[in-house]
Amino acid sequence: VQLQAYGGGLVQAGGSLRLSCATSVSIFNFNAMGWFRQAPGDQRELVATITRGNNINYADSVKGRFTISKDNAKRTVYLQMNSLKPEDTGFYYCASRSISSGNWRWGQGTQVTVSS
């Protein structure tokens, strides 16, 4: 299974970015899809998740600013990020959660840098 994230870049505070994650297999193979991020020196943290049943959760720090969505036909998960803040800077990873084990598997990430 391959997860390829793209769409990161450099943006000014208050700006927007849209991340995409393309999977090599159907999204229905997974219990959930998610986005995580990791800033230098920090632990990886969960940003947003969406389950097969479309239940969505966000980290408190991004609620009201970020939106996770998916397109099953395109096997792609998105993260729309608005009103970006410098503290949103980090490496963003796309991940899938196994139906059998419940474990997360991270794919390729993409760098997001928000300048003040």
Protein backbone atom coordinates (compact mmCIF):
# COMPACT_ATOMS: atom_id res chain seq x y z
CA VAL A 1 0.00 0.00 0.00
CA GLN A 2 1.34 3.39 -0.98
CA LEU A 3 0.21 6.71 0.38
CA GLN A 4 1.55 9.75 -1.43
CA ALA A 5 0.93 13.18 0.04
CA TYR A 6 1.43 16.38 -1.91
CA GLY A 7 0.34 19.98 -1.95
CA GLY A 8 2.57 21.40 0.75
CA GLY A 9 4.55 24.58 0.39
CA LEU A 10 5.38 27.96 1.83
CA VAL A 11 2.50 30.28 2.68
CA GLN A 12 2.04 33.42 4.71
CA ALA A 13 0.05 33.41 7.92
CA GLY A 14 -3.64 33.67 7.17
CA GLY A 15 -3.24 31.86 3.88
CA SER A 16 -4.54 28.50 2.70
CA LEU A 17 -3.21 25.24 1.36
CA ARG A 18 -4.87 22.05 0.21
CA LEU A 19 -3.11 18.79 0.80
CA SER A 20 -3.94 15.65 -1.13
CA CYS A 21 -3.14 12.03 -0.40
CA ALA A 22 -3.41 9.49 -3.15
CA THR A 23 -3.63 5.82 -2.20
CA SER A 24 -2.63 2.84 -4.28
CA VAL A 25 -5.70 0.84 -3.22
CA SER A 26 -9.33 1.58 -2.48
CA ILE A 27 -9.95 3.70 0.61
CA PHE A 28 -12.57 1.13 1.61
CA ASN A 29 -9.69 -1.16 2.53
CA PHE A 30 -9.05 1.00 5.57
CA ASN A 31 -10.94 1.66 8.78
CA ALA A 32 -10.01 5.32 8.58
CA MET A 33 -7.75 7.81 6.86
CA GLY A 34 -5.96 10.63 8.59
CA TRP A 35 -3.48 13.44 8.54
CA PHE A 36 -0.70 13.79 11.07
CA ARG A 37 2.00 16.40 11.38
CA GLN A 38 5.38 16.70 13.00
CA ALA A 39 7.31 19.86 13.74
CA PRO A 40 11.08 19.78 14.33
CA GLY A 41 11.77 18.52 17.83
CA ASP A 42 8.16 17.59 18.45
CA GLN A 43 6.29 14.32 18.41
CA ARG A 44 4.01 13.44 15.56
CA GLU A 45 0.47 14.55 16.32
CA LEU A 46 -2.89 13.77 14.87
CA VAL A 47 -4.48 16.57 12.87
CA ALA A 48 -7.66 15.07 11.43
CA THR A 49 -9.26 11.71 10.74
CA ILE A 50 -12.16 10.47 8.66
CA THR A 51 -13.59 6.98 9.01
CA ARG A 52 -15.15 4.71 6.43
CA GLY A 53 -18.49 5.86 7.78
CA ASN A 54 -17.44 9.51 7.39
CA ASN A 55 -17.08 10.25 11.08
CA ILE A 56 -14.63 13.10 11.37
CA ASN A 57 -12.37 14.26 14.19
CA TYR A 58 -9.99 17.18 14.43
CA ALA A 59 -7.28 18.22 16.82
CA ASP A 60 -8.51 21.14 18.92
CA SER A 61 -5.79 23.34 17.46
CA VAL A 62 -7.20 23.08 13.92
CA LYS A 63 -10.95 22.96 14.53
CA GLY A 64 -12.78 25.55 12.46
CA ARG A 65 -9.77 26.08 10.19
CA PHE A 66 -9.03 22.68 8.63
CA THR A 67 -11.38 20.38 6.75
CA ILE A 68 -10.70 16.73 5.94
CA SER A 69 -12.57 15.05 3.10
CA LYS A 70 -12.21 12.12 0.77
CA ASP A 71 -13.10 11.05 -2.73
CA ASN A 72 -13.50 7.29 -2.77
CA ALA A 73 -13.60 7.08 -6.56
CA LYS A 74 -10.30 8.95 -6.83
CA ARG A 75 -8.80 7.08 -3.85
CA THR A 76 -7.76 10.43 -2.47
CA VAL A 77 -8.01 12.15 0.90
CA TYR A 78 -7.78 15.91 1.22
CA LEU A 79 -6.93 18.38 3.94
CA GLN A 80 -8.08 21.93 3.30
CA MET A 81 -6.16 24.25 5.57
CA ASN A 82 -7.38 27.82 6.00
CA SER A 83 -6.29 30.66 8.26
CA LEU A 84 -2.89 29.06 8.59
CA LYS A 85 -0.70 30.01 11.52
CA PRO A 86 3.07 29.74 11.96
CA GLU A 87 2.47 26.98 14.51
CA ASP A 88 0.91 24.88 11.76
CA THR A 89 4.38 24.53 10.26
CA GLY A 90 5.52 20.94 10.03
CA PHE A 91 5.82 17.83 7.95
CA TYR A 92 2.35 16.53 7.17
CA TYR A 93 1.80 12.81 6.76
CA CYS A 94 -1.09 10.96 5.27
CA ALA A 95 -2.02 7.76 7.08
CA SER A 96 -4.35 4.81 6.87
CA ARG A 97 -5.72 2.76 9.76
CA SER A 98 -5.92 -0.97 9.43
CA ILE A 99 -9.32 -2.62 9.80
CA SER A 100 -7.82 -5.70 11.43
CA SER A 101 -5.25 -4.20 13.80
CA GLY A 102 -6.42 -0.62 14.21
CA ASN A 103 -2.83 0.51 13.72
CA TRP A 104 -1.92 3.59 11.70
CA ARG A 105 0.40 3.31 8.74
CA TRP A 106 2.08 6.51 7.56
CA GLY A 107 2.95 7.27 3.99
CA GLN A 108 5.05 9.91 2.33
CA GLY A 109 4.74 13.38 3.81
CA THR A 110 4.80 16.90 2.55
CA GLN A 111 6.30 20.00 4.12
CA VAL A 112 4.08 22.90 5.14
CA THR A 113 5.75 26.14 6.19
CA VAL A 114 3.77 29.12 7.40
CA SER A 115 5.64 32.39 7.68
CA SER A 116 4.61 35.14 10.06
